[in-house]
């Protein structure tokens, strides 16, 4: 096996950590969104709605960043 075709373990670990963060955000965002939409008469409705939408967007971004990092660890040559 050629040394250039090996998986970069440090980069793979970094990508898996990012996917773990994505998993947490994927549960937190919709949960907060449900909470915000079920309490539309409360004074914290708008801030909670904005925060939950931002968390959902961050989850999608972390998904792509994590997958890109994992792909780079396996397929990118040094």
PDB file of N, CA and C in Angstrom:
ATOM      1  N   UNK A   1       0.840  -1.178   0.000  1.00  0.00           N
ATOM      2  CA  UNK A   1       0.000   0.000   0.000  1.00  0.00           C
ATOM      3  C   UNK A   1       0.883   1.237   0.000  1.00  0.00           C
ATOM      4  N   UNK A   2       0.553   2.164  -0.855  1.00  0.00           N
ATOM      5  CA  UNK A   2       1.323   3.395  -0.979  1.00  0.00           C
ATOM      6  C   UNK A   2       1.052   4.304   0.223  1.00  0.00           C
ATOM      7  N   UNK A   3       2.068   4.971   0.692  1.00  0.00           N
ATOM      8  CA  UNK A   3       1.958   5.846   1.858  1.00  0.00           C
ATOM      9  C   UNK A   3       1.047   7.047   1.586  1.00  0.00           C
ATOM     10  N   UNK A   4       0.924   7.479   0.335  1.00  0.00           N
ATOM     11  CA  UNK A   4       0.100   8.639   0.008  1.00  0.00           C
ATOM     12  C   UNK A   4      -1.391   8.334   0.022  1.00  0.00           C
ATOM     13  N   UNK A   5      -1.783   7.072  -0.021  1.00  0.00           N
ATOM     14  CA  UNK A   5      -3.191   6.712  -0.079  1.00  0.00           C
ATOM     15  C   UNK A   5      -3.786   6.387   1.288  1.00  0.00           C
ATOM     16  N   UNK A   6      -3.080   6.644   2.348  1.00  0.00           N
ATOM     17  CA  UNK A   6      -3.568   6.330   3.683  1.00  0.00           C
ATOM     18  C   UNK A   6      -4.490   7.435   4.183  1.00  0.00           C
ATOM     19  N   UNK A   7      -5.385   7.053   5.071  1.00  0.00           N
ATOM     20  CA  UNK A   7      -6.312   8.005   5.683  1.00  0.00           C
ATOM     21  C   UNK A   7      -5.585   8.826   6.735  1.00  0.00           C
ATOM     22  N   UNK A   8      -5.786  10.131   6.701  1.00  0.00           N
ATOM     23  CA  UNK A   8      -5.217  11.025   7.712  1.00  0.00           C
ATOM     24  C   UNK A   8      -6.081  10.914   8.970  1.00  0.00           C
ATOM     25  N   UNK A   9      -5.561  10.230   9.986  1.00  0.00           N
ATOM     26  CA  UNK A   9      -6.347   9.924  11.189  1.00  0.00           C
ATOM     27  C   UNK A   9      -6.729  11.188  11.964  1.00  0.00           C
ATOM     28  N   UNK A  10      -5.825  12.165  12.027  1.00  0.00           N
ATOM     29  CA  UNK A  10      -6.129  13.400  12.761  1.00  0.00           C
ATOM     30  C   UNK A  10      -7.261  14.165  12.084  1.00  0.00           C
ATOM     31  N   UNK A  11      -7.223  14.228  10.770  1.00  0.00           N
ATOM     32  CA  UNK A  11      -8.271  14.927  10.027  1.00  0.00           C
ATOM     33  C   UNK A  11      -9.591  14.160  10.102  1.00  0.00           C
ATOM     34  N   UNK A  12      -9.530  12.844  10.106  1.00  0.00           N
ATOM     35  CA  UNK A  12     -10.732  12.034  10.249  1.00  0.00           C
ATOM     36  C   UNK A  12     -11.369  12.247  11.618  1.00  0.00           C
ATOM     37  N   UNK A  13     -10.563  12.314  12.666  1.00  0.00           N
ATOM     38  CA  UNK A  13     -11.069  12.572  14.012  1.00  0.00           C
ATOM     39  C   UNK A  13     -11.728  13.939  14.086  1.00  0.00           C
ATOM     40  N   UNK A  14     -11.112  14.923  13.452  1.00  0.00           N
ATOM     41  CA  UNK A  14     -11.682  16.273  13.418  1.00  0.00           C
ATOM     42  C   UNK A  14     -13.036  16.264  12.706  1.00  0.00           C
ATOM     43  N   UNK A  15     -13.133  15.526  11.617  1.00  0.00           N
ATOM     44  CA  UNK A  15     -14.389  15.433  10.886  1.00  0.00           C
ATOM     45  C   UNK A  15     -15.469  14.729  11.684  1.00  0.00           C
ATOM     46  N   UNK A  16     -15.091  13.678  12.423  1.00  0.00           N
ATOM     47  CA  UNK A  16     -16.063  12.967  13.252  1.00  0.00           C
ATOM     48  C   UNK A  16     -16.545  13.823  14.419  1.00  0.00           C
ATOM     49  N   UNK A  17     -15.665  14.655  14.970  1.00  0.00           N
ATOM     50  CA  UNK A  17     -16.085  15.584  16.018  1.00  0.00           C
ATOM     51  C   UNK A  17     -17.091  16.585  15.467  1.00  0.00           C
ATOM     52  N   UNK A  18     -16.846  17.065  14.259  1.00  0.00           N
ATOM     53  CA  UNK A  18     -17.783  18.000  13.636  1.00  0.00           C
ATOM     54  C   UNK A  18     -19.126  17.333  13.367  1.00  0.00           C
ATOM     55  N   UNK A  19     -19.110  16.063  12.997  1.00  0.00           N
ATOM     56  CA  UNK A  19     -20.369  15.346  12.783  1.00  0.00           C
ATOM     57  C   UNK A  19     -21.099  15.127  14.106  1.00  0.00           C
ATOM     58  N   UNK A  20     -20.369  14.969  15.189  1.00  0.00           N
ATOM     59  CA  UNK A  20     -20.994  14.864  16.515  1.00  0.00           C
ATOM     60  C   UNK A  20     -21.667  16.162  16.913  1.00  0.00           C
ATOM     61  N   UNK A  21     -21.003  17.283  16.634  1.00  0.00           N
ATOM     62  CA  UNK A  21     -21.608  18.592  16.888  1.00  0.00           C
ATOM     63  C   UNK A  21     -22.853  18.764  16.035  1.00  0.00           C
ATOM     64  N   UNK A  22     -22.784  18.317  14.800  1.00  0.00           N
ATOM     65  CA  UNK A  22     -23.933  18.381  13.897  1.00  0.00           C
ATOM     66  C   UNK A  22     -25.096  17.585  14.453  1.00  0.00           C
ATOM     67  N   UNK A  23     -24.834  16.412  15.005  1.00  0.00           N
ATOM     68  CA  UNK A  23     -25.891  15.574  15.565  1.00  0.00           C
ATOM     69  C   UNK A  23     -26.592  16.270  16.725  1.00  0.00           C
ATOM     70  N   UNK A  24     -25.823  16.908  17.596  1.00  0.00           N
ATOM     71  CA  UNK A  24     -26.408  17.643  18.715  1.00  0.00           C
ATOM     72  C   UNK A  24     -27.268  18.793  18.197  1.00  0.00           C
ATOM     73  N   UNK A  25     -26.752  19.534  17.214  1.00  0.00           N
ATOM     74  CA  UNK A  25     -27.505  20.654  16.660  1.00  0.00           C
ATOM     75  C   UNK A  25     -28.751  20.195  15.927  1.00  0.00           C
ATOM     76  N   UNK A  26     -28.698  19.015  15.308  1.00  0.00           N
ATOM     77  CA  UNK A  26     -29.860  18.503  14.583  1.00  0.00           C
ATOM     78  C   UNK A  26     -31.004  18.134  15.531  1.00  0.00           C
ATOM     79  N   UNK A  27     -30.716  17.817  16.767  1.00  0.00           N
ATOM     80  CA  UNK A  27     -31.775  17.570  17.736  1.00  0.00           C
ATOM     81  C   UNK A  27     -32.194  18.860  18.449  1.00  0.00           C
ATOM     82  N   UNK A  28     -31.240  19.726  18.755  1.00  0.00           N
ATOM     83  CA  UNK A  28     -31.546  20.940  19.513  1.00  0.00           C
ATOM     84  C   UNK A  28     -32.357  21.945  18.683  1.00  0.00           C
ATOM     85  N   UNK A  29     -32.016  22.117  17.424  1.00  0.00           N
ATOM     86  CA  UNK A  29     -32.698  23.101  16.594  1.00  0.00           C
ATOM     87  C   UNK A  29     -34.184  22.839  16.426  1.00  0.00           C
ATOM     88  N   UNK A  30     -34.587  21.676  15.937  1.00  0.00           N
ATOM     89  CA  UNK A  30     -36.023  21.409  15.798  1.00  0.00           C
ATOM     90  C   UNK A  30     -36.769  21.362  17.133  1.00  0.00           C
ATOM     91  N   UNK A  31     -36.107  20.922  18.204  1.00  0.00           N
ATOM     92  CA  UNK A  31     -36.754  20.912  19.513  1.00  0.00           C
ATOM     93  C   UNK A  31     -37.076  22.327  19.970  1.00  0.00           C
ATOM     94  N   UNK A  32     -36.109  23.222  19.822  1.00  0.00           N
ATOM     95  CA  UNK A  32     -36.348  24.621  20.181  1.00  0.00           C
ATOM     96  C   UNK A  32     -37.366  25.273  19.252  1.00  0.00           C
ATOM     97  N   UNK A  33     -37.354  24.890  17.987  1.00  0.00           N
ATOM     98  CA  UNK A  33     -38.327  25.426  17.038  1.00  0.00           C
ATOM     99  C   UNK A  33     -39.738  24.995  17.429  1.00  0.00           C
ATOM    100  N   UNK A  34     -39.901  23.745  17.828  1.00  0.00           N
ATOM    101  CA  UNK A  34     -41.207  23.275  18.290  1.00  0.00           C
ATOM    102  C   UNK A  34     -41.648  24.034  19.539  1.00  0.00           C
ATOM    103  N   UNK A  35     -40.716  24.239  20.470  1.00  0.00           N
ATOM    104  CA  UNK A  35     -41.029  24.998  21.677  1.00  0.00           C
ATOM    105  C   UNK A  35     -41.457  26.423  21.344  1.00  0.00           C
ATOM    106  N   UNK A  36     -40.746  27.044  20.420  1.00  0.00           N
ATOM    107  CA  UNK A  36     -41.065  28.430  20.055  1.00  0.00           C
ATOM    108  C   UNK A  36     -42.423  28.509  19.374  1.00  0.00           C
ATOM    109  N   UNK A  37     -42.712  27.588  18.478  1.00  0.00           N
ATOM    110  CA  UNK A  37     -43.965  27.654  17.729  1.00  0.00           C
ATOM    111  C   UNK A  37     -45.171  27.244  18.574  1.00  0.00           C
ATOM    112  N   UNK A  38     -44.955  26.474  19.627  1.00  0.00           N
ATOM    113  CA  UNK A  38     -46.081  26.086  20.479  1.00  0.00           C
ATOM    114  C   UNK A  38     -46.409  27.151  21.528  1.00  0.00           C
ATOM    115  N   UNK A  39     -45.519  28.126  21.725  1.00  0.00           N
ATOM    116  CA  UNK A  39     -45.736  29.191  22.708  1.00  0.00           C
ATOM    117  C   UNK A  39     -45.688  30.552  22.030  1.00  0.00           C
ATOM    118  N   UNK A  40     -46.526  30.767  21.025  1.00  0.00           N
ATOM    119  CA  UNK A  40     -46.433  32.011  20.261  1.00  0.00           C
ATOM    120  C   UNK A  40     -46.977  33.226  21.008  1.00  0.00           C
ATOM    121  N   UNK A  41     -47.610  33.054  22.141  1.00  0.00           N
ATOM    122  CA  UNK A  41     -48.110  34.197  22.908  1.00  0.00           C
ATOM    123  C   UNK A  41     -47.132  34.688  23.954  1.00  0.00           C
ATOM    124  N   UNK A  42     -46.059  33.981  24.167  1.00  0.00           N
ATOM    125  CA  UNK A  42     -45.088  34.323  25.215  1.00  0.00           C
ATOM    126  C   UNK A  42     -44.161  35.440  24.748  1.00  0.00           C
ATOM    127  N   UNK A  43     -43.543  36.154  25.702  1.00  0.00           N
ATOM    128  CA  UNK A  43     -42.659  37.274  25.309  1.00  0.00           C
ATOM    129  C   UNK A  43     -41.344  36.814  24.661  1.00  0.00           C
ATOM    130  N   UNK A  44     -40.909  35.590  24.892  1.00  0.00           N
ATOM    131  CA  UNK A  44     -39.653  35.108  24.306  1.00  0.00           C
ATOM    132  C   UNK A  44     -39.873  34.385  22.984  1.00  0.00           C
ATOM    133  N   UNK A  45     -41.027  34.557  22.369  1.00  0.00           N
ATOM    134  CA  UNK A  45     -41.347  33.856  21.123  1.00  0.00           C
ATOM    135  C   UNK A  45     -40.382  34.210  20.000  1.00  0.00           C
ATOM    136  N   UNK A  46     -40.196  35.479  19.723  1.00  0.00           N
ATOM    137  CA  UNK A  46     -39.347  35.915  18.603  1.00  0.00           C
ATOM    138  C   UNK A  46     -37.874  35.560  18.830  1.00  0.00           C
ATOM    139  N   UNK A  47     -37.272  35.864  20.004  1.00  0.00           N
ATOM    140  CA  UNK A  47     -35.863  35.483  20.181  1.00  0.00           C
ATOM    141  C   UNK A  47     -35.632  33.966  20.094  1.00  0.00           C
ATOM    142  N   UNK A  48     -36.545  33.190  20.674  1.00  0.00           N
ATOM    143  CA  UNK A  48     -36.398  31.736  20.622  1.00  0.00           C
ATOM    144  C   UNK A  48     -36.563  31.211  19.201  1.00  0.00           C
ATOM    145  N   UNK A  49     -37.455  31.814  18.450  1.00  0.00           N
ATOM    146  CA  UNK A  49     -37.653  31.429  17.054  1.00  0.00           C
ATOM    147  C   UNK A  49     -36.405  31.719  16.223  1.00  0.00           C
ATOM    148  N   UNK A  50     -35.818  32.875  16.419  1.00  0.00           N
ATOM    149  CA  UNK A  50     -34.607  33.255  15.680  1.00  0.00           C
ATOM    150  C   UNK A  50     -33.446  32.332  16.047  1.00  0.00           C
ATOM    151  N   UNK A  51     -33.273  32.079  17.333  1.00  0.00           N
ATOM    152  CA  UNK A  51     -32.177  31.209  17.780  1.00  0.00           C
ATOM    153  C   UNK A  51     -32.343  29.793  17.237  1.00  0.00           C
ATOM    154  N   UNK A  52     -33.571  29.284  17.254  1.00  0.00           N
ATOM    155  CA  UNK A  52     -33.787  27.912  16.776  1.00  0.00           C
ATOM    156  C   UNK A  52     -33.554  27.797  15.271  1.00  0.00           C
ATOM    157  N   UNK A  53     -33.945  28.811  14.511  1.00  0.00           N
ATOM    158  CA  UNK A  53     -33.688  28.784  13.068  1.00  0.00           C
ATOM    159  C   UNK A  53     -32.190  28.862  12.789  1.00  0.00           C
ATOM    160  N   UNK A  54     -31.470  29.678  13.551  1.00  0.00           N
ATOM    161  CA  UNK A  54     -30.012  29.760  13.385  1.00  0.00           C
ATOM    162  C   UNK A  54     -29.332  28.433  13.740  1.00  0.00           C
ATOM    163  N   UNK A  55     -29.834  27.743  14.762  1.00  0.00           N
ATOM    164  CA  UNK A  55     -29.274  26.444  15.131  1.00  0.00           C
ATOM    165  C   UNK A  55     -29.530  25.422  14.029  1.00  0.00           C
ATOM    166  N   UNK A  56     -30.705  25.461  13.411  1.00  0.00           N
ATOM    167  CA  UNK A  56     -31.000  24.546  12.301  1.00  0.00           C
ATOM    168  C   UNK A  56     -30.072  24.807  11.114  1.00  0.00           C
ATOM    169  N   UNK A  57     -29.824  26.071  10.814  1.00  0.00           N
ATOM    170  CA  UNK A  57     -28.908  26.424   9.725  1.00  0.00           C
ATOM    171  C   UNK A  57     -27.486  25.981  10.067  1.00  0.00           C
ATOM    172  N   UNK A  58     -27.087  26.151  11.334  1.00  0.00           N
ATOM    173  CA  UNK A  58     -25.755  25.724  11.763  1.00  0.00           C
ATOM    174  C   UNK A  58     -25.606  24.204  11.663  1.00  0.00           C
ATOM    175  N   UNK A  59     -26.681  23.463  11.920  1.00  0.00           N
ATOM    176  CA  UNK A  59     -26.621  22.003  11.811  1.00  0.00           C
ATOM    177  C   UNK A  59     -26.371  21.588  10.368  1.00  0.00           C
ATOM    178  N   UNK A  60     -27.042  22.244   9.426  1.00  0.00           N
ATOM    179  CA  UNK A  60     -26.842  21.925   8.013  1.00  0.00           C
ATOM    180  C   UNK A  60     -25.418  22.283   7.588  1.00  0.00           C
ATOM    181  N   UNK A  61     -24.925  23.433   8.049  1.00  0.00           N
ATOM    182  CA  UNK A  61     -23.561  23.848   7.707  1.00  0.00           C
ATOM    183  C   UNK A  61     -22.530  22.878   8.288  1.00  0.00           C
ATOM    184  N   UNK A  62     -22.721  22.465   9.543  1.00  0.00           N
ATOM    185  CA  UNK A  62     -21.779  21.528  10.157  1.00  0.00           C
ATOM    186  C   UNK A  62     -21.814  20.163   9.473  1.00  0.00           C
ATOM    187  N   UNK A  63     -22.977  19.777   8.940  1.00  0.00           N
ATOM    188  CA  UNK A  63     -23.069  18.527   8.194  1.00  0.00           C
ATOM    189  C   UNK A  63     -22.165  18.572   6.971  1.00  0.00           C
ATOM    190  N   UNK A  64     -22.265  19.637   6.192  1.00  0.00           N
ATOM    191  CA  UNK A  64     -21.440  19.739   4.993  1.00  0.00           C
ATOM    192  C   UNK A  64     -19.961  19.900   5.332  1.00  0.00           C
ATOM    193  N   UNK A  65     -19.648  20.672   6.350  1.00  0.00           N
ATOM    194  CA  UNK A  65     -18.250  20.853   6.748  1.00  0.00           C
ATOM    195  C   UNK A  65     -17.665  19.533   7.245  1.00  0.00           C
ATOM    196  N   UNK A  66     -18.422  18.797   8.053  1.00  0.00           N
ATOM    197  CA  UNK A  66     -17.948  17.514   8.568  1.00  0.00           C
ATOM    198  C   UNK A  66     -17.740  16.494   7.469  1.00  0.00           C
ATOM    199  N   UNK A  67     -18.707  16.397   6.538  1.00  0.00           N
ATOM    200  CA  UNK A  67     -18.551  15.454   5.426  1.00  0.00           C
ATOM    201  C   UNK A  67     -17.369  15.831   4.538  1.00  0.00           C
ATOM    202  N   UNK A  68     -17.172  17.123   4.324  1.00  0.00           N
ATOM    203  CA  UNK A  68     -16.034  17.583   3.523  1.00  0.00           C
ATOM    204  C   UNK A  68     -14.711  17.233   4.210  1.00  0.00           C
ATOM    205  N   UNK A  69     -14.654  17.409   5.517  1.00  0.00           N
ATOM    206  CA  UNK A  69     -13.428  17.091   6.262  1.00  0.00           C
ATOM    207  C   UNK A  69     -13.146  15.591   6.219  1.00  0.00           C
ATOM    208  N   UNK A  70     -14.180  14.769   6.388  1.00  0.00           N
ATOM    209  CA  UNK A  70     -13.991  13.321   6.323  1.00  0.00           C
ATOM    210  C   UNK A  70     -13.563  12.902   4.918  1.00  0.00           C
ATOM    211  N   UNK A  71     -14.163  13.494   3.903  1.00  0.00           N
ATOM    212  CA  UNK A  71     -13.764  13.196   2.528  1.00  0.00           C
ATOM    213  C   UNK A  71     -12.331  13.595   2.251  1.00  0.00           C
ATOM    214  N   UNK A  72     -11.926  14.750   2.762  1.00  0.00           N
ATOM    215  CA  UNK A  72     -10.536  15.180   2.581  1.00  0.00           C
ATOM    216  C   UNK A  72      -9.560  14.256   3.308  1.00  0.00           C
ATOM    217  N   UNK A  73      -9.963  13.730   4.440  1.00  0.00           N
ATOM    218  CA  UNK A  73      -9.048  12.848   5.179  1.00  0.00           C
ATOM    219  C   UNK A  73      -8.834  11.529   4.432  1.00  0.00           C
ATOM    220  N   UNK A  74      -9.819  11.118   3.659  1.00  0.00           N
ATOM    221  CA  UNK A  74      -9.683   9.822   2.964  1.00  0.00           C
ATOM    222  C   UNK A  74      -9.124   9.944   1.554  1.00  0.00           C
ATOM    223  N   UNK A  75      -9.496  10.987   0.852  1.00  0.00           N
ATOM    224  CA  UNK A  75      -9.208  11.035  -0.592  1.00  0.00           C
ATOM    225  C   UNK A  75      -8.187  12.089  -1.011  1.00  0.00           C
ATOM    226  N   UNK A  76      -7.857  13.034  -0.141  1.00  0.00           N
ATOM    227  CA  UNK A  76      -6.931  14.092  -0.543  1.00  0.00           C
ATOM    228  C   UNK A  76      -5.494  13.623  -0.381  1.00  0.00           C
ATOM    229  N   UNK A  77      -4.704  13.887  -1.386  1.00  0.00           N
ATOM    230  CA  UNK A  77      -3.275  13.540  -1.307  1.00  0.00           C
ATOM    231  C   UNK A  77      -2.519  14.712  -0.730  1.00  0.00           C
ATOM    232  N   UNK A  78      -1.469  14.383   0.027  1.00  0.00           N
ATOM    233  CA  UNK A  78      -0.651  15.432   0.653  1.00  0.00           C
ATOM    234  C   UNK A  78       0.360  15.980  -0.316  1.00  0.00           C
TER     235      UNK A  78
END
